[in-house]
C-alpha cells in the first residue's frame, strides 16, 4: 500500500499522520466533483472522500452493534 506522511497536531503536540492511496472509478470522481461544485461545502475531493469514509465506518460499526444485540 502506498502511504504518505504528514504532520498534524494533537493537543499541542505534533503527531505523524499516515495516508494511503485508493483507486476510485472516474465516473464516481466526476459525481463527487459535481457535488462539490453545486454545494461548495467541501474544499477538495479528498475532504469529501475522507468525510464519506468516516460516515460509512460509523454506520457499519452501528450495524455491527445492532447485530450483536440480536
N, C-alpha and C. Protein backbone atom coordinates (compact mmCIF):
# COMPACT_ATOMS: atom_id res chain seq x y z
N UNK A 1 0.84 -1.17 0.00
CA UNK A 1 0.00 0.00 0.00
C UNK A 1 0.89 1.23 0.00
N UNK A 2 0.55 2.20 -0.83
CA UNK A 2 1.27 3.45 -0.83
C UNK A 2 0.87 4.23 0.39
N UNK A 3 1.83 4.84 1.05
CA UNK A 3 1.48 5.68 2.18
C UNK A 3 2.33 6.92 2.15
N UNK A 4 1.77 7.99 2.67
CA UNK A 4 2.42 9.27 2.71
C UNK A 4 2.26 9.80 4.12
N UNK A 5 3.24 10.51 4.60
CA UNK A 5 3.16 11.04 5.96
C UNK A 5 2.94 12.53 5.93
N UNK A 6 2.29 13.01 6.96
CA UNK A 6 2.07 14.43 7.14
C UNK A 6 2.16 14.70 8.64
N UNK A 7 2.38 15.91 8.99
CA UNK A 7 2.42 16.27 10.40
C UNK A 7 1.13 16.94 10.79
N UNK A 8 0.55 16.52 11.90
CA UNK A 8 -0.65 17.12 12.44
C UNK A 8 -0.38 17.51 13.87
N UNK A 9 -1.37 18.03 14.54
CA UNK A 9 -1.20 18.35 15.95
C UNK A 9 -2.28 17.66 16.76
N UNK A 10 -1.91 17.24 17.93
CA UNK A 10 -2.85 16.62 18.86
C UNK A 10 -2.58 17.23 20.22
N UNK A 11 -3.48 18.11 20.63
CA UNK A 11 -3.35 18.80 21.92
C UNK A 11 -1.98 19.47 22.05
N UNK A 12 -1.60 20.20 21.02
CA UNK A 12 -0.36 20.95 21.08
C UNK A 12 0.88 20.16 20.72
N UNK A 13 0.74 18.84 20.56
CA UNK A 13 1.90 18.01 20.19
C UNK A 13 1.81 17.69 18.72
N UNK A 14 2.96 17.55 18.10
CA UNK A 14 2.96 17.13 16.70
C UNK A 14 2.88 15.61 16.64
N UNK A 15 2.01 15.12 15.77
CA UNK A 15 1.87 13.68 15.58
C UNK A 15 2.01 13.38 14.10
N UNK A 16 2.53 12.21 13.80
CA UNK A 16 2.70 11.79 12.42
C UNK A 16 1.41 11.14 11.94
N UNK A 17 0.88 11.61 10.82
CA UNK A 17 -0.34 11.08 10.25
C UNK A 17 0.03 10.43 8.92
N UNK A 18 -0.34 9.17 8.74
CA UNK A 18 -0.03 8.47 7.50
C UNK A 18 -1.25 8.43 6.60
N UNK A 19 -1.00 8.46 5.31
CA UNK A 19 -2.06 8.41 4.31
C UNK A 19 -1.82 7.26 3.36
N UNK A 20 -2.88 6.71 2.81
CA UNK A 20 -2.79 5.65 1.81
C UNK A 20 -3.54 6.07 0.56
N UNK A 21 -3.26 5.43 -0.53
CA UNK A 21 -3.91 5.73 -1.80
C UNK A 21 -4.91 4.63 -2.15
N UNK A 22 -6.01 5.02 -2.78
CA UNK A 22 -7.00 4.07 -3.27
C UNK A 22 -7.40 4.47 -4.68
N UNK A 23 -7.92 3.53 -5.42
CA UNK A 23 -8.41 3.81 -6.77
C UNK A 23 -9.92 3.95 -6.74
N UNK A 24 -10.40 5.01 -7.37
CA UNK A 24 -11.84 5.26 -7.45
C UNK A 24 -12.17 5.48 -8.92
N UNK A 25 -13.20 4.81 -9.42
CA UNK A 25 -13.55 5.00 -10.84
C UNK A 25 -13.79 6.47 -11.17
N UNK A 26 -13.37 6.88 -12.35
CA UNK A 26 -13.52 8.28 -12.76
C UNK A 26 -14.96 8.74 -12.74
N UNK A 27 -15.89 7.86 -13.07
CA UNK A 27 -17.31 8.24 -13.05
C UNK A 27 -17.74 8.66 -11.63
N UNK A 28 -17.23 7.96 -10.63
CA UNK A 28 -17.55 8.31 -9.23
C UNK A 28 -16.92 9.65 -8.89
N UNK A 29 -15.66 9.86 -9.29
CA UNK A 29 -15.00 11.13 -9.01
C UNK A 29 -15.70 12.30 -9.70
N UNK A 30 -16.23 12.06 -10.89
CA UNK A 30 -16.97 13.11 -11.59
C UNK A 30 -18.23 13.49 -10.82
N UNK A 31 -18.89 12.51 -10.22
CA UNK A 31 -20.07 12.81 -9.39
C UNK A 31 -19.67 13.59 -8.14
N UNK A 32 -18.55 13.20 -7.56
CA UNK A 32 -18.04 13.93 -6.39
C UNK A 32 -17.75 15.37 -6.78
N UNK A 33 -17.10 15.57 -7.92
CA UNK A 33 -16.79 16.92 -8.39
C UNK A 33 -18.05 17.75 -8.60
N UNK A 34 -19.11 17.12 -9.14
CA UNK A 34 -20.38 17.83 -9.34
C UNK A 34 -20.97 18.28 -8.02
N UNK A 35 -20.96 17.39 -7.02
CA UNK A 35 -21.49 17.75 -5.71
C UNK A 35 -20.69 18.87 -5.06
N UNK A 36 -19.38 18.78 -5.17
CA UNK A 36 -18.52 19.82 -4.60
C UNK A 36 -18.83 21.16 -5.26
N UNK A 37 -18.97 21.17 -6.58
CA UNK A 37 -19.25 22.41 -7.31
C UNK A 37 -20.63 22.97 -6.95
N UNK A 38 -21.64 22.10 -6.85
CA UNK A 38 -23.00 22.56 -6.57
C UNK A 38 -23.17 23.04 -5.14
N UNK A 39 -22.60 22.30 -4.20
CA UNK A 39 -22.82 22.61 -2.79
C UNK A 39 -21.74 23.52 -2.20
N UNK A 40 -20.54 23.42 -2.72
CA UNK A 40 -19.45 24.27 -2.23
C UNK A 40 -19.05 24.02 -0.78
N UNK A 41 -19.45 22.90 -0.25
CA UNK A 41 -19.18 22.62 1.17
C UNK A 41 -17.77 22.09 1.40
N UNK A 42 -17.31 21.21 0.54
CA UNK A 42 -16.02 20.57 0.72
C UNK A 42 -14.96 21.32 -0.08
N UNK A 43 -13.78 21.51 0.48
CA UNK A 43 -12.74 22.24 -0.24
C UNK A 43 -12.04 21.41 -1.32
N UNK A 44 -12.20 20.08 -1.26
CA UNK A 44 -11.49 19.23 -2.22
C UNK A 44 -12.14 17.85 -2.28
N UNK A 45 -11.73 17.10 -3.31
CA UNK A 45 -12.17 15.70 -3.41
C UNK A 45 -11.76 14.93 -2.17
N UNK A 46 -10.53 15.16 -1.74
CA UNK A 46 -10.01 14.44 -0.58
C UNK A 46 -10.86 14.66 0.66
N UNK A 47 -11.27 15.91 0.88
CA UNK A 47 -12.10 16.22 2.04
C UNK A 47 -13.44 15.49 1.95
N UNK A 48 -14.03 15.47 0.76
CA UNK A 48 -15.31 14.78 0.56
C UNK A 48 -15.16 13.29 0.83
N UNK A 49 -14.14 12.68 0.24
CA UNK A 49 -13.94 11.23 0.37
C UNK A 49 -13.62 10.86 1.82
N UNK A 50 -12.80 11.67 2.48
CA UNK A 50 -12.47 11.41 3.89
C UNK A 50 -13.73 11.41 4.74
N UNK A 51 -14.59 12.44 4.54
CA UNK A 51 -15.83 12.52 5.32
C UNK A 51 -16.76 11.36 4.99
N UNK A 52 -16.86 11.01 3.71
CA UNK A 52 -17.72 9.90 3.30
C UNK A 52 -17.25 8.59 3.93
N UNK A 53 -15.96 8.37 3.94
CA UNK A 53 -15.41 7.14 4.54
C UNK A 53 -15.69 7.10 6.04
N UNK A 54 -15.50 8.20 6.72
CA UNK A 54 -15.77 8.22 8.16
C UNK A 54 -17.24 7.96 8.46
N UNK A 55 -18.14 8.53 7.65
CA UNK A 55 -19.56 8.27 7.84
C UNK A 55 -19.89 6.81 7.60
N UNK A 56 -19.30 6.22 6.57
CA UNK A 56 -19.54 4.80 6.26
C UNK A 56 -19.02 3.91 7.39
N UNK A 57 -17.85 4.20 7.89
CA UNK A 57 -17.28 3.42 9.00
C UNK A 57 -18.20 3.50 10.21
N UNK A 58 -18.69 4.69 10.52
CA UNK A 58 -19.59 4.86 11.66
C UNK A 58 -20.87 4.05 11.48
N UNK A 59 -21.46 4.08 10.27
CA UNK A 59 -22.69 3.30 10.00
C UNK A 59 -22.45 1.81 10.14
N UNK A 60 -21.32 1.33 9.64
CA UNK A 60 -21.05 -0.11 9.71
C UNK A 60 -20.81 -0.57 11.14
N UNK A 61 -20.12 0.24 11.95
CA UNK A 61 -19.95 -0.13 13.36
C UNK A 61 -21.30 -0.15 14.07
N UNK A 62 -22.18 0.79 13.74
CA UNK A 62 -23.52 0.80 14.34
C UNK A 62 -24.28 -0.46 13.92
N UNK A 63 -24.16 -0.85 12.66
CA UNK A 63 -24.82 -2.06 12.18
C UNK A 63 -24.29 -3.29 12.93
N UNK A 64 -22.99 -3.34 13.16
CA UNK A 64 -22.41 -4.46 13.92
C UNK A 64 -22.93 -4.50 15.35
N UNK A 65 -23.04 -3.31 15.97
CA UNK A 65 -23.57 -3.26 17.34
C UNK A 65 -25.00 -3.81 17.39
N UNK A 66 -25.81 -3.43 16.40
CA UNK A 66 -27.19 -3.93 16.36
C UNK A 66 -27.23 -5.44 16.15
N UNK A 67 -26.37 -5.96 15.31
CA UNK A 67 -26.33 -7.41 15.07
C UNK A 67 -25.93 -8.18 16.31
N UNK A 68 -25.01 -7.62 17.10
CA UNK A 68 -24.58 -8.29 18.33
C UNK A 68 -25.70 -8.33 19.37
N UNK A 69 -26.60 -7.35 19.34
CA UNK A 69 -27.70 -7.31 20.29
C UNK A 69 -28.77 -8.35 19.96
N UNK A 70 -28.86 -8.76 18.70
CA UNK A 70 -29.91 -9.71 18.29
C UNK A 70 -29.58 -11.12 18.69
